Amino acid sequence: MNPFFEELASSYPDALFLTVDVDDVKAVAAKMEVKAMPTFLLMKEGAQVDRLVGANPDEIRKRIDAFVQSIRVYVA
């Protein structure tokens, strides 16, 4: 999923994409309730607004696109 994630990050320059190695930072995994890999969290102003669990590139892209569009409308 890393190449796909990197592609998404470059496709949406207005969004911040971060990766977390949950083996290295178990406290973050626990706080965000990450129980399976991969888990994608969409966050706005520090609050989770969506969660996707599993490697489904089409669904991930669809949700990120909708999220970014909602942010653009909100800011405009």
N, C-alpha and C. Protein backbone atom coordinates (compact mmCIF):
# COMPACT_ATOMS: atom_id res chain seq x y z
N MET A 1 0.82 -1.20 0.00
CA MET A 1 0.00 0.00 0.00
C MET A 1 0.86 1.27 0.00
N ASN A 2 2.13 1.16 0.35
CA ASN A 2 2.95 2.37 0.41
C ASN A 2 3.03 3.14 -0.89
N PRO A 3 3.27 2.50 -2.04
CA PRO A 3 3.28 3.27 -3.29
C PRO A 3 1.93 3.95 -3.56
N PHE A 4 0.85 3.26 -3.28
CA PHE A 4 -0.49 3.84 -3.47
C PHE A 4 -0.67 5.04 -2.54
N PHE A 5 -0.26 4.91 -1.29
CA PHE A 5 -0.37 6.00 -0.32
C PHE A 5 0.45 7.20 -0.78
N GLU A 6 1.65 6.96 -1.28
CA GLU A 6 2.50 8.05 -1.78
C GLU A 6 1.86 8.73 -2.99
N GLU A 7 1.23 7.95 -3.84
CA GLU A 7 0.53 8.52 -5.00
C GLU A 7 -0.62 9.42 -4.53
N LEU A 8 -1.38 8.96 -3.54
CA LEU A 8 -2.47 9.78 -3.00
C LEU A 8 -1.94 11.08 -2.43
N ALA A 9 -0.85 10.99 -1.67
CA ALA A 9 -0.28 12.18 -1.05
C ALA A 9 0.12 13.21 -2.10
N SER A 10 0.67 12.77 -3.22
CA SER A 10 1.05 13.74 -4.25
C SER A 10 -0.16 14.20 -5.06
N SER A 11 -1.24 13.43 -5.06
CA SER A 11 -2.46 13.83 -5.79
C SER A 11 -3.27 14.87 -5.04
N TYR A 12 -3.10 14.94 -3.73
CA TYR A 12 -3.87 15.86 -2.90
C TYR A 12 -2.91 16.74 -2.10
N PRO A 13 -2.30 17.73 -2.75
CA PRO A 13 -1.30 18.55 -2.06
C PRO A 13 -1.87 19.40 -0.92
N ASP A 14 -3.18 19.60 -0.89
CA ASP A 14 -3.80 20.40 0.17
C ASP A 14 -4.03 19.60 1.45
N ALA A 15 -3.82 18.30 1.38
CA ALA A 15 -4.03 17.43 2.55
C ALA A 15 -2.68 16.94 3.07
N LEU A 16 -2.62 16.73 4.36
CA LEU A 16 -1.42 16.21 4.99
C LEU A 16 -1.58 14.70 5.17
N PHE A 17 -0.67 13.93 4.60
CA PHE A 17 -0.68 12.48 4.70
C PHE A 17 0.46 12.06 5.62
N LEU A 18 0.16 11.26 6.62
CA LEU A 18 1.16 10.78 7.55
C LEU A 18 1.07 9.26 7.66
N THR A 19 2.20 8.64 7.86
CA THR A 19 2.22 7.21 8.14
C THR A 19 2.77 7.02 9.55
N VAL A 20 2.24 6.01 10.20
CA VAL A 20 2.67 5.69 11.56
C VAL A 20 2.98 4.21 11.60
N ASP A 21 4.17 3.87 12.06
CA ASP A 21 4.53 2.47 12.27
C ASP A 21 4.01 2.09 13.65
N VAL A 22 2.90 1.39 13.68
CA VAL A 22 2.25 1.09 14.96
C VAL A 22 3.07 0.14 15.82
N ASP A 23 4.04 -0.53 15.24
CA ASP A 23 4.94 -1.36 16.04
C ASP A 23 5.92 -0.48 16.82
N ASP A 24 6.26 0.67 16.24
CA ASP A 24 7.19 1.58 16.90
C ASP A 24 6.50 2.53 17.87
N VAL A 25 5.27 2.90 17.59
CA VAL A 25 4.54 3.84 18.45
C VAL A 25 3.20 3.22 18.85
N LYS A 26 3.29 2.27 19.72
CA LYS A 26 2.10 1.54 20.16
C LYS A 26 1.10 2.44 20.87
N ALA A 27 1.57 3.51 21.51
CA ALA A 27 0.66 4.42 22.20
C ALA A 27 -0.28 5.11 21.21
N VAL A 28 0.24 5.47 20.05
CA VAL A 28 -0.61 6.11 19.03
C VAL A 28 -1.63 5.10 18.52
N ALA A 29 -1.18 3.88 18.26
CA ALA A 29 -2.10 2.84 17.78
C ALA A 29 -3.21 2.60 18.80
N ALA A 30 -2.85 2.57 20.07
CA ALA A 30 -3.86 2.35 21.11
C ALA A 30 -4.82 3.54 21.19
N LYS A 31 -4.28 4.74 21.18
CA LYS A 31 -5.13 5.93 21.29
C LYS A 31 -6.11 6.04 20.12
N MET A 32 -5.63 5.70 18.93
CA MET A 32 -6.48 5.81 17.74
C MET A 32 -7.26 4.52 17.47
N GLU A 33 -7.13 3.54 18.36
CA GLU A 33 -7.84 2.26 18.27
C GLU A 33 -7.58 1.53 16.94
N VAL A 34 -6.32 1.52 16.54
CA VAL A 34 -5.92 0.80 15.33
C VAL A 34 -5.69 -0.65 15.72
N LYS A 35 -6.51 -1.52 15.13
CA LYS A 35 -6.45 -2.93 15.48
C LYS A 35 -6.09 -3.82 14.28
N ALA A 36 -6.09 -3.24 13.07
CA ALA A 36 -5.79 -4.00 11.86
C ALA A 36 -5.01 -3.11 10.90
N MET A 37 -4.26 -3.77 10.03
CA MET A 37 -3.48 -3.06 9.02
C MET A 37 -3.99 -3.40 7.63
N PRO A 38 -4.03 -2.43 6.75
CA PRO A 38 -3.84 -1.02 7.02
C PRO A 38 -5.12 -0.39 7.56
N THR A 39 -4.95 0.66 8.32
CA THR A 39 -6.07 1.48 8.78
C THR A 39 -5.79 2.90 8.34
N PHE A 40 -6.77 3.51 7.73
CA PHE A 40 -6.66 4.89 7.27
C PHE A 40 -7.62 5.74 8.08
N LEU A 41 -7.10 6.79 8.68
CA LEU A 41 -7.93 7.71 9.45
C LEU A 41 -7.96 9.04 8.72
N LEU A 42 -9.14 9.57 8.55
CA LEU A 42 -9.30 10.92 7.99
C LEU A 42 -9.64 11.82 9.16
N MET A 43 -8.86 12.87 9.31
CA MET A 43 -9.03 13.73 10.48
C MET A 43 -9.16 15.19 10.05
N LYS A 44 -9.93 15.91 10.83
CA LYS A 44 -10.10 17.34 10.59
C LYS A 44 -10.01 18.03 11.94
N GLU A 45 -9.10 18.98 12.04
CA GLU A 45 -8.91 19.74 13.27
C GLU A 45 -8.71 18.83 14.48
N GLY A 46 -7.95 17.75 14.29
CA GLY A 46 -7.62 16.84 15.38
C GLY A 46 -8.67 15.81 15.72
N ALA A 47 -9.80 15.83 15.03
CA ALA A 47 -10.87 14.87 15.30
C ALA A 47 -11.03 13.92 14.12
N GLN A 48 -11.22 12.66 14.42
CA GLN A 48 -11.44 11.67 13.37
C GLN A 48 -12.81 11.88 12.74
N VAL A 49 -12.84 11.95 11.40
CA VAL A 49 -14.11 12.09 10.70
C VAL A 49 -14.46 10.86 9.85
N ASP A 50 -13.46 9.99 9.64
CA ASP A 50 -13.72 8.77 8.88
C ASP A 50 -12.61 7.77 9.18
N ARG A 51 -12.91 6.50 8.96
CA ARG A 51 -11.95 5.42 9.19
C ARG A 51 -12.19 4.36 8.13
N LEU A 52 -11.10 3.89 7.53
CA LEU A 52 -11.17 2.79 6.58
C LEU A 52 -10.19 1.73 7.02
N VAL A 53 -10.65 0.51 7.10
CA VAL A 53 -9.78 -0.60 7.49
C VAL A 53 -9.71 -1.56 6.31
N GLY A 54 -8.50 -1.87 5.91
CA GLY A 54 -8.29 -2.80 4.81
C GLY A 54 -7.72 -2.13 3.58
N ALA A 55 -7.20 -2.94 2.69
CA ALA A 55 -6.54 -2.46 1.48
C ALA A 55 -7.53 -2.47 0.32
N ASN A 56 -8.32 -1.42 0.21
CA ASN A 56 -9.28 -1.27 -0.87
C ASN A 56 -9.01 0.07 -1.55
N PRO A 57 -8.07 0.10 -2.51
CA PRO A 57 -7.66 1.37 -3.12
C PRO A 57 -8.80 2.21 -3.68
N ASP A 58 -9.78 1.59 -4.33
CA ASP A 58 -10.88 2.36 -4.90
C ASP A 58 -11.69 3.07 -3.82
N GLU A 59 -11.98 2.37 -2.75
CA GLU A 59 -12.75 2.97 -1.66
C GLU A 59 -11.94 4.04 -0.93
N ILE A 60 -10.67 3.78 -0.74
CA ILE A 60 -9.80 4.76 -0.08
C ILE A 60 -9.76 6.05 -0.89
N ARG A 61 -9.53 5.93 -2.19
CA ARG A 61 -9.48 7.11 -3.06
C ARG A 61 -10.82 7.85 -3.04
N LYS A 62 -11.91 7.11 -3.11
CA LYS A 62 -13.25 7.71 -3.11
C LYS A 62 -13.48 8.52 -1.83
N ARG A 63 -13.14 7.95 -0.70
CA ARG A 63 -13.37 8.64 0.58
C ARG A 63 -12.44 9.84 0.76
N ILE A 64 -11.19 9.69 0.35
CA ILE A 64 -10.27 10.82 0.47
C ILE A 64 -10.71 11.94 -0.46
N ASP A 65 -11.13 11.60 -1.66
CA ASP A 65 -11.60 12.63 -2.59
C ASP A 65 -12.80 13.36 -2.01
N ALA A 66 -13.76 12.64 -1.48
CA ALA A 66 -14.94 13.28 -0.88
C ALA A 66 -14.54 14.15 0.32
N PHE A 67 -13.61 13.66 1.11
CA PHE A 67 -13.15 14.41 2.27
C PHE A 67 -12.47 15.71 1.84
N VAL A 68 -11.56 15.62 0.88
CA VAL A 68 -10.85 16.81 0.40
C VAL A 68 -11.82 17.80 -0.23
N GLN A 69 -12.80 17.29 -0.98
CA GLN A 69 -13.80 18.18 -1.57
C GLN A 69 -14.61 18.89 -0.49
N SER A 70 -14.95 18.19 0.57
CA SER A 70 -15.73 18.81 1.65
C SER A 70 -14.91 19.89 2.35
N ILE A 71 -13.62 19.67 2.48
CA ILE A 71 -12.75 20.67 3.10
C ILE A 71 -12.67 21.90 2.20
N ARG A 72 -12.52 21.68 0.90
CA ARG A 72 -12.44 22.81 -0.04
C ARG A 72 -13.71 23.63 -0.02
N VAL A 73 -14.86 22.98 0.05
CA VAL A 73 -16.13 23.70 0.10
C VAL A 73 -16.23 24.46 1.42
N TYR A 74 -15.79 23.84 2.49
CA TYR A 74 -15.84 24.45 3.81
C TYR A 74 -14.98 25.70 3.88
N VAL A 75 -13.80 25.66 3.26
CA VAL A 75 -12.86 26.77 3.29
C VAL A 75 -13.31 27.89 2.35
N ALA A 76 -13.93 27.53 1.23
CA ALA A 76 -14.28 28.53 0.22
C ALA A 76 -15.29 29.52 0.65
